[in-house]
Amino acid sequence: MDREKINIIRRIYRQKDIENIEKRVNLFGVNQTLTTENFLSFRFFSSLVIFLFVFLFIKDGFVYAPLISALYYYMLYYIVIEMPLKRRIKKLDHEAFYYFEVLTLTLESGRNFENAIDITCQHIDSDLSKEFKETLYQIKFGKTLSEALTDMRLRIPSEAVNNIILNITQSNIFGNSILETMHNQVSYLRNKQILDVKAEIAKIPTKISVFSVLFFIPLIMLIIIAPLVIEFILNT
């Protein structure tokens, strides 16, 4: 059944489009439930159903059917893939500081890197921890540390976390101190968190202004105008 589905998808979509979707789907990590084949087949056939429904049962459907089905086609991608990935990026960024700080402390106790990852994963239950567990699993079955970390980057949508993994990989390849690298990366994450908080604080006046325009100003106008409207109604 899956093979038939794959064959149908390859007839409908270009190989380049399939590969792009597959890269995005892989960014959901080891716990992903969505598959490229299921998403592409559902998007195509559901768009087709919507097109036929609007075309057959809605007045002037021949005009609206292409527009509505095309809008649905692209919005589905955003809702099913892009929005969850944005939430995953925020979650990974939030988890990164604590995870890498604990990992650094474990390295300072004299553990080697793989053992430090194992201990850290045992004490932290998070999405990032699960990705490192998968990395250890791949190492156990024959991949080198650098290869497993490179594969891990393909499962991580967070640019900040990927930069840290890249620095760790380069330190491992070129023989640099991983502990020193981790100290630098933890400092980077700490500074990034401070900058993120400052950015959120800077957005508050804008949000308050928008809120005022949408709610308070109409309310004030209503309070000012209401007596005049009541008086006008009573006089007429």
C-alpha atoms as a PDB file:
ATOM      1  CA  MET A   1       0.000   0.000   0.000  1.00  0.00           C
ATOM      2  CA  ASP A   2       2.791   2.449   0.894  1.00  0.00           C
ATOM      3  CA  ARG A   3       4.631   1.590  -2.303  1.00  0.00           C
ATOM      4  CA  GLU A   4       1.495   2.297  -4.343  1.00  0.00           C
ATOM      5  CA  LYS A   5       1.061   5.597  -2.525  1.00  0.00           C
ATOM      6  CA  ILE A   6       4.677   6.564  -3.241  1.00  0.00           C
ATOM      7  CA  ASN A   7       4.248   5.727  -6.933  1.00  0.00           C
ATOM      8  CA  ILE A   8       1.106   7.886  -7.142  1.00  0.00           C
ATOM      9  CA  ILE A   9       2.849  10.785  -5.423  1.00  0.00           C
ATOM     10  CA  ARG A  10       5.816  10.581  -7.791  1.00  0.00           C
ATOM     11  CA  ARG A  11       3.451  10.851 -10.735  1.00  0.00           C
ATOM     12  CA  ILE A  12       1.743  13.927  -9.258  1.00  0.00           C
ATOM     13  CA  TYR A  13       4.658  15.867  -7.747  1.00  0.00           C
ATOM     14  CA  ARG A  14       8.101  16.738  -9.006  1.00  0.00           C
ATOM     15  CA  GLN A  15      10.983  14.949  -7.312  1.00  0.00           C
ATOM     16  CA  LYS A  16      12.370  18.295  -6.146  1.00  0.00           C
ATOM     17  CA  ASP A  17       9.077  19.155  -4.402  1.00  0.00           C
ATOM     18  CA  ILE A  18       8.968  15.742  -2.711  1.00  0.00           C
ATOM     19  CA  GLU A  19      12.534  16.162  -1.442  1.00  0.00           C
ATOM     20  CA  ASN A  20      11.805  19.667  -0.094  1.00  0.00           C
ATOM     21  CA  ILE A  21       8.756  18.438   1.826  1.00  0.00           C
ATOM     22  CA  GLU A  22      10.708  15.450   3.116  1.00  0.00           C
ATOM     23  CA  LYS A  23      13.423  17.743   4.493  1.00  0.00           C
ATOM     24  CA  ARG A  24      10.804  19.793   6.321  1.00  0.00           C
ATOM     25  CA  VAL A  25       9.059  16.710   7.685  1.00  0.00           C
ATOM     26  CA  ASN A  26      12.379  15.308   8.971  1.00  0.00           C
ATOM     27  CA  LEU A  27      12.758  18.451  11.078  1.00  0.00           C
ATOM     28  CA  PHE A  28      10.001  17.158  13.353  1.00  0.00           C
ATOM     29  CA  GLY A  29      12.640  14.820  14.782  1.00  0.00           C
ATOM     30  CA  VAL A  30      12.522  11.320  16.175  1.00  0.00           C
ATOM     31  CA  ASN A  31       8.944  11.667  17.449  1.00  0.00           C
ATOM     32  CA  GLN A  32       7.447  12.674  14.130  1.00  0.00           C
ATOM     33  CA  THR A  33       4.143  11.034  13.222  1.00  0.00           C
ATOM     34  CA  LEU A  34       3.690  12.839   9.922  1.00  0.00           C
ATOM     35  CA  THR A  35       5.136  11.234   6.795  1.00  0.00           C
ATOM     36  CA  THR A  36       5.882  12.879   3.467  1.00  0.00           C
ATOM     37  CA  GLU A  37       3.722  10.373   1.595  1.00  0.00           C
ATOM     38  CA  ASN A  38       0.687  10.866   3.849  1.00  0.00           C
ATOM     39  CA  PHE A  39       0.910  14.656   3.760  1.00  0.00           C
ATOM     40  CA  LEU A  40       1.353  14.943  -0.011  1.00  0.00           C
ATOM     41  CA  SER A  41      -1.386  12.441  -0.831  1.00  0.00           C
ATOM     42  CA  PHE A  42      -3.831  14.013   1.653  1.00  0.00           C
ATOM     43  CA  ARG A  43      -3.101  17.530   0.397  1.00  0.00           C
ATOM     44  CA  PHE A  44      -3.643  16.584  -3.240  1.00  0.00           C
ATOM     45  CA  PHE A  45      -6.829  14.540  -2.827  1.00  0.00           C
ATOM     46  CA  SER A  46      -8.437  16.859  -0.270  1.00  0.00           C
ATOM     47  CA  SER A  47      -7.724  19.841  -2.554  1.00  0.00           C
ATOM     48  CA  LEU A  48      -9.303  17.917  -5.414  1.00  0.00           C
ATOM     49  CA  VAL A  49     -12.413  17.181  -3.315  1.00  0.00           C
ATOM     50  CA  ILE A  50     -12.752  20.851  -2.343  1.00  0.00           C
ATOM     51  CA  PHE A  51     -12.347  21.913  -5.975  1.00  0.00           C
ATOM     52  CA  LEU A  52     -15.074  19.528  -7.154  1.00  0.00           C
ATOM     53  CA  PHE A  53     -17.421  20.466  -4.311  1.00  0.00           C
ATOM     54  CA  VAL A  54     -17.142  24.212  -4.956  1.00  0.00           C
ATOM     55  CA  PHE A  55     -17.308  23.707  -8.727  1.00  0.00           C
ATOM     56  CA  LEU A  56     -20.456  21.566  -8.569  1.00  0.00           C
ATOM     57  CA  PHE A  57     -22.448  22.948  -5.641  1.00  0.00           C
ATOM     58  CA  ILE A  58     -21.536  26.633  -5.265  1.00  0.00           C
ATOM     59  CA  LYS A  59     -22.964  29.335  -7.480  1.00  0.00           C
ATOM     60  CA  ASP A  60     -20.310  30.546  -9.938  1.00  0.00           C
ATOM     61  CA  GLY A  61     -18.225  27.619  -8.730  1.00  0.00           C
ATOM     62  CA  PHE A  62     -16.144  27.639 -11.897  1.00  0.00           C
ATOM     63  CA  VAL A  63     -14.773  31.003 -10.727  1.00  0.00           C
ATOM     64  CA  TYR A  64     -14.292  30.223  -7.039  1.00  0.00           C
ATOM     65  CA  ALA A  65     -13.174  26.585  -7.256  1.00  0.00           C
ATOM     66  CA  PRO A  66      -9.606  27.277  -8.483  1.00  0.00           C
ATOM     67  CA  LEU A  67      -9.128  30.117  -5.992  1.00  0.00           C
ATOM     68  CA  ILE A  68     -10.468  28.284  -2.942  1.00  0.00           C
ATOM     69  CA  SER A  69      -8.687  25.003  -3.696  1.00  0.00           C
ATOM     70  CA  ALA A  70      -5.380  26.810  -4.358  1.00  0.00           C
ATOM     71  CA  LEU A  71      -5.719  28.798  -1.121  1.00  0.00           C
ATOM     72  CA  TYR A  72      -6.462  25.593   0.793  1.00  0.00           C
ATOM     73  CA  TYR A  73      -3.541  23.816  -0.917  1.00  0.00           C
ATOM     74  CA  TYR A  74      -0.975  26.350   0.305  1.00  0.00           C
ATOM     75  CA  MET A  75      -2.589  27.080   3.678  1.00  0.00           C
ATOM     76  CA  LEU A  76      -2.559  23.376   4.544  1.00  0.00           C
ATOM     77  CA  TYR A  77       1.223  23.323   4.161  1.00  0.00           C
ATOM     78  CA  TYR A  78       1.556  26.307   6.469  1.00  0.00           C
ATOM     79  CA  ILE A  79      -0.840  24.923   9.103  1.00  0.00           C
ATOM     80  CA  VAL A  80       0.402  21.313   9.120  1.00  0.00           C
ATOM     81  CA  ILE A  81       4.150  21.886   8.668  1.00  0.00           C
ATOM     82  CA  GLU A  82       5.337  25.469   9.090  1.00  0.00           C
ATOM     83  CA  MET A  83       3.351  26.423  12.208  1.00  0.00           C
ATOM     84  CA  PRO A  84       4.307  23.269  14.181  1.00  0.00           C
ATOM     85  CA  LEU A  85       7.939  23.726  13.132  1.00  0.00           C
ATOM     86  CA  LYS A  86       7.938  27.286  14.456  1.00  0.00           C
ATOM     87  CA  ARG A  87       6.609  25.995  17.784  1.00  0.00           C
ATOM     88  CA  ARG A  88       9.289  23.279  17.778  1.00  0.00           C
ATOM     89  CA  ILE A  89      12.023  25.855  17.165  1.00  0.00           C
ATOM     90  CA  LYS A  90      10.862  27.894  20.162  1.00  0.00           C
ATOM     91  CA  LYS A  91      10.685  24.785  22.313  1.00  0.00           C
ATOM     92  CA  LEU A  92      14.174  23.602  21.334  1.00  0.00           C
ATOM     93  CA  ASP A  93      15.631  27.074  21.888  1.00  0.00           C
ATOM     94  CA  HIS A  94      14.006  27.147  25.323  1.00  0.00           C
ATOM     95  CA  GLU A  95      15.364  23.689  26.229  1.00  0.00           C
ATOM     96  CA  ALA A  96      18.854  24.280  24.835  1.00  0.00           C
ATOM     97  CA  PHE A  97      20.334  26.414  27.617  1.00  0.00           C
ATOM     98  CA  TYR A  98      19.428  24.035  30.437  1.00  0.00           C
ATOM     99  CA  TYR A  99      20.426  20.917  28.487  1.00  0.00           C
ATOM    100  CA  PHE A 100      23.835  22.197  27.351  1.00  0.00           C
ATOM    101  CA  GLU A 101      24.563  23.715  30.763  1.00  0.00           C
ATOM    102  CA  VAL A 102      24.009  20.313  32.413  1.00  0.00           C
ATOM    103  CA  LEU A 103      26.051  18.660  29.649  1.00  0.00           C
ATOM    104  CA  THR A 104      28.904  21.087  30.290  1.00  0.00           C
ATOM    105  CA  LEU A 105      28.825  20.417  34.037  1.00  0.00           C
ATOM    106  CA  THR A 106      28.913  16.680  33.322  1.00  0.00           C
ATOM    107  CA  LEU A 107      31.949  17.146  31.070  1.00  0.00           C
ATOM    108  CA  GLU A 108      33.662  19.124  33.839  1.00  0.00           C
ATOM    109  CA  SER A 109      33.360  16.078  36.097  1.00  0.00           C
ATOM    110  CA  GLY A 110      35.787  14.240  33.814  1.00  0.00           C
ATOM    111  CA  ARG A 111      33.389  12.240  31.630  1.00  0.00           C
ATOM    112  CA  ASN A 112      34.043  11.742  27.949  1.00  0.00           C
ATOM    113  CA  PHE A 113      31.596  13.380  25.565  1.00  0.00           C
ATOM    114  CA  GLU A 114      29.457  10.344  24.726  1.00  0.00           C
ATOM    115  CA  ASN A 115      29.191   9.337  28.370  1.00  0.00           C
ATOM    116  CA  ALA A 116      28.322  12.921  29.317  1.00  0.00           C
ATOM    117  CA  ILE A 117      25.498  12.929  26.743  1.00  0.00           C
ATOM    118  CA  ASP A 118      24.191   9.636  28.113  1.00  0.00           C
ATOM    119  CA  ILE A 119      24.153  10.913  31.714  1.00  0.00           C
ATOM    120  CA  THR A 120      22.556  14.209  30.701  1.00  0.00           C
ATOM    121  CA  CYS A 121      19.816  12.435  28.747  1.00  0.00           C
ATOM    122  CA  GLN A 122      19.064  10.225  31.747  1.00  0.00           C
ATOM    123  CA  HIS A 123      18.367  13.284  33.903  1.00  0.00           C
ATOM    124  CA  ILE A 124      16.611  15.517  31.356  1.00  0.00           C
ATOM    125  CA  ASP A 125      13.423  14.575  29.566  1.00  0.00           C
ATOM    126  CA  SER A 126      12.940  16.947  26.641  1.00  0.00           C
ATOM    127  CA  ASP A 127      12.742  16.963  22.857  1.00  0.00           C
ATOM    128  CA  LEU A 128      16.404  17.922  22.632  1.00  0.00           C
ATOM    129  CA  SER A 129      17.338  15.102  24.986  1.00  0.00           C
ATOM    130  CA  LYS A 130      15.438  12.621  22.790  1.00  0.00           C
ATOM    131  CA  GLU A 131      17.376  13.781  19.744  1.00  0.00           C
ATOM    132  CA  PHE A 132      20.663  13.190  21.560  1.00  0.00           C
ATOM    133  CA  LYS A 133      19.437   9.750  22.638  1.00  0.00           C
ATOM    134  CA  GLU A 134      18.867   8.944  18.969  1.00  0.00           C
ATOM    135  CA  THR A 135      22.397  10.167  18.253  1.00  0.00           C
ATOM    136  CA  LEU A 136      23.800   7.799  20.894  1.00  0.00           C
ATOM    137  CA  TYR A 137      21.706   4.984  19.423  1.00  0.00           C
ATOM    138  CA  GLN A 138      23.240   5.590  15.988  1.00  0.00           C
ATOM    139  CA  ILE A 139      26.748   5.629  17.469  1.00  0.00           C
ATOM    140  CA  LYS A 140      26.029   2.326  19.196  1.00  0.00           C
ATOM    141  CA  PHE A 141      25.197   0.759  15.837  1.00  0.00           C
ATOM    142  CA  GLY A 142      28.289   1.868  13.983  1.00  0.00           C
ATOM    143  CA  LYS A 143      28.222   5.570  13.141  1.00  0.00           C
ATOM    144  CA  THR A 144      30.992   7.855  14.283  1.00  0.00           C
ATOM    145  CA  LEU A 145      30.205  10.736  16.623  1.00  0.00           C
ATOM    146  CA  SER A 146      30.660  13.246  13.797  1.00  0.00           C
ATOM    147  CA  GLU A 147      28.358  11.312  11.460  1.00  0.00           C
ATOM    148  CA  ALA A 148      25.658  10.943  14.111  1.00  0.00           C
ATOM    149  CA  LEU A 149      25.823  14.651  14.997  1.00  0.00           C
ATOM    150  CA  THR A 150      25.614  15.579  11.304  1.00  0.00           C
ATOM    151  CA  ASP A 151      22.488  13.423  10.977  1.00  0.00           C
ATOM    152  CA  MET A 152      21.085  15.058  14.095  1.00  0.00           C
ATOM    153  CA  ARG A 153      21.334  18.492  12.478  1.00  0.00           C
ATOM    154  CA  LEU A 154      18.960  17.266   9.756  1.00  0.00           C
ATOM    155  CA  ARG A 155      16.349  16.655  12.479  1.00  0.00           C
ATOM    156  CA  ILE A 156      16.745  20.045  14.190  1.00  0.00           C
ATOM    157  CA  PRO A 157      14.983  23.156  12.818  1.00  0.00           C
ATOM    158  CA  SER A 158      16.594  25.496  15.362  1.00  0.00           C
ATOM    159  CA  GLU A 159      19.484  27.499  13.928  1.00  0.00           C
ATOM    160  CA  ALA A 160      20.900  28.179  17.396  1.00  0.00           C
ATOM    161  CA  VAL A 161      21.000  24.482  18.344  1.00  0.00           C
ATOM    162  CA  ASN A 162      22.402  23.517  14.946  1.00  0.00           C
ATOM    163  CA  ASN A 163      25.243  26.024  15.327  1.00  0.00           C
ATOM    164  CA  ILE A 164      26.161  24.423  18.650  1.00  0.00           C
ATOM    165  CA  ILE A 165      26.083  20.920  17.146  1.00  0.00           C
ATOM    166  CA  LEU A 166      28.243  22.144  14.251  1.00  0.00           C
ATOM    167  CA  ASN A 167      30.809  23.610  16.657  1.00  0.00           C
ATOM    168  CA  ILE A 168      30.883  20.360  18.641  1.00  0.00           C
ATOM    169  CA  THR A 169      31.360  18.373  15.424  1.00  0.00           C
ATOM    170  CA  GLN A 170      34.232  20.591  14.293  1.00  0.00           C
ATOM    171  CA  SER A 171      35.869  20.369  17.711  1.00  0.00           C
ATOM    172  CA  ASN A 172      35.659  16.583  17.528  1.00  0.00           C
ATOM    173  CA  ILE A 173      37.085  16.463  13.989  1.00  0.00           C
ATOM    174  CA  PHE A 174      39.959  18.894  14.549  1.00  0.00           C
ATOM    175  CA  GLY A 175      40.793  17.709  18.079  1.00  0.00           C
ATOM    176  CA  ASN A 176      39.871  20.913  19.883  1.00  0.00           C
ATOM    177  CA  SER A 177      38.652  20.936  23.471  1.00  0.00           C
ATOM    178  CA  ILE A 178      34.943  20.085  23.507  1.00  0.00           C
ATOM    179  CA  LEU A 179      34.675  21.394  27.069  1.00  0.00           C
ATOM    180  CA  GLU A 180      35.987  24.809  26.007  1.00  0.00           C
ATOM    181  CA  THR A 181      33.584  24.754  23.079  1.00  0.00           C
ATOM    182  CA  MET A 182      30.684  23.996  25.415  1.00  0.00           C
ATOM    183  CA  HIS A 183      31.612  26.860  27.730  1.00  0.00           C
ATOM    184  CA  ASN A 184      31.531  29.225  24.753  1.00  0.00           C
ATOM    185  CA  GLN A 185      28.220  27.843  23.535  1.00  0.00           C
ATOM    186  CA  VAL A 186      26.560  28.074  26.959  1.00  0.00           C
ATOM    187  CA  SER A 187      27.681  31.714  27.149  1.00  0.00           C
ATOM    188  CA  TYR A 188      26.228  32.256  23.693  1.00  0.00           C
ATOM    189  CA  LEU A 189      22.883  30.740  24.740  1.00  0.00           C
ATOM    190  CA  ARG A 190      22.826  32.828  27.921  1.00  0.00           C
ATOM    191  CA  ASN A 191      23.383  36.029  25.924  1.00  0.00           C
ATOM    192  CA  LYS A 192      20.792  34.934  23.373  1.00  0.00           C
ATOM    193  CA  GLN A 193      18.191  34.429  26.090  1.00  0.00           C
ATOM    194  CA  ILE A 194      18.885  37.919  27.454  1.00  0.00           C
ATOM    195  CA  LEU A 195      18.556  39.433  23.973  1.00  0.00           C
ATOM    196  CA  ASP A 196      15.326  37.516  23.355  1.00  0.00           C
ATOM    197  CA  VAL A 197      13.854  38.827  26.614  1.00  0.00           C
ATOM    198  CA  LYS A 198      14.881  42.384  25.705  1.00  0.00           C
ATOM    199  CA  ALA A 199      13.288  41.967  22.278  1.00  0.00           C
ATOM    200  CA  GLU A 200      10.028  40.793  23.854  1.00  0.00           C
ATOM    201  CA  ILE A 201      10.075  43.730  26.278  1.00  0.00           C
ATOM    202  CA  ALA A 202      10.664  46.124  23.370  1.00  0.00           C
ATOM    203  CA  LYS A 203       7.534  44.791  21.661  1.00  0.00           C
ATOM    204  CA  ILE A 204       5.302  45.563  24.655  1.00  0.00           C
ATOM    205  CA  PRO A 205       4.725  49.297  23.859  1.00  0.00           C
ATOM    206  CA  THR A 206       3.712  48.397  20.303  1.00  0.00           C
ATOM    207  CA  LYS A 207       1.307  45.735  21.533  1.00  0.00           C
ATOM    208  CA  ILE A 208      -0.172  48.171  24.049  1.00  0.00           C
ATOM    209  CA  SER A 209      -0.587  50.797  21.312  1.00  0.00           C
ATOM    210  CA  VAL A 210      -2.398  48.352  19.032  1.00  0.00           C
ATOM    211  CA  PHE A 211      -4.581  47.236  21.935  1.00  0.00           C
ATOM    212  CA  SER A 212      -5.407  50.872  22.736  1.00  0.00           C
ATOM    213  CA  VAL A 213      -6.330  51.659  19.145  1.00  0.00           C
ATOM    214  CA  LEU A 214      -8.561  48.602  18.841  1.00  0.00           C
ATOM    215  CA  PHE A 215     -10.339  48.795  22.202  1.00  0.00           C
ATOM    216  CA  PHE A 216      -9.888  51.968  24.237  1.00  0.00           C
ATOM    217  CA  ILE A 217     -10.263  54.592  21.524  1.00  0.00           C
ATOM    218  CA  PRO A 218     -13.568  53.128  20.193  1.00  0.00           C
ATOM    219  CA  LEU A 219     -14.792  52.892  23.804  1.00  0.00           C
ATOM    220  CA  ILE A 220     -13.922  56.535  24.490  1.00  0.00           C
ATOM    221  CA  MET A 221     -15.590  57.606  21.245  1.00  0.00           C
ATOM    222  CA  LEU A 222     -18.687  55.648  22.245  1.00  0.00           C
ATOM    223  CA  ILE A 223     -18.785  57.353  25.655  1.00  0.00           C
ATOM    224  CA  ILE A 224     -18.480  60.776  24.016  1.00  0.00           C
ATOM    225  CA  ILE A 225     -20.969  60.189  21.206  1.00  0.00           C
ATOM    226  CA  ALA A 226     -23.565  58.115  23.122  1.00  0.00           C
ATOM    227  CA  PRO A 227     -25.185  61.080  24.993  1.00  0.00           C
ATOM    228  CA  LEU A 228     -25.499  63.044  21.734  1.00  0.00           C
ATOM    229  CA  VAL A 229     -27.092  60.076  19.975  1.00  0.00           C
ATOM    230  CA  ILE A 230     -29.530  59.507  22.870  1.00  0.00           C
ATOM    231  CA  GLU A 231     -30.442  63.198  22.927  1.00  0.00           C
ATOM    232  CA  PHE A 232     -30.998  63.207  19.184  1.00  0.00           C
ATOM    233  CA  ILE A 233     -33.249  60.140  19.392  1.00  0.00           C
ATOM    234  CA  LEU A 234     -35.308  61.637  22.226  1.00  0.00           C
ATOM    235  CA  ASN A 235     -35.770  64.939  20.373  1.00  0.00           C
ATOM    236  CA  THR A 236     -36.922  63.210  17.248  1.00  0.00           C
END
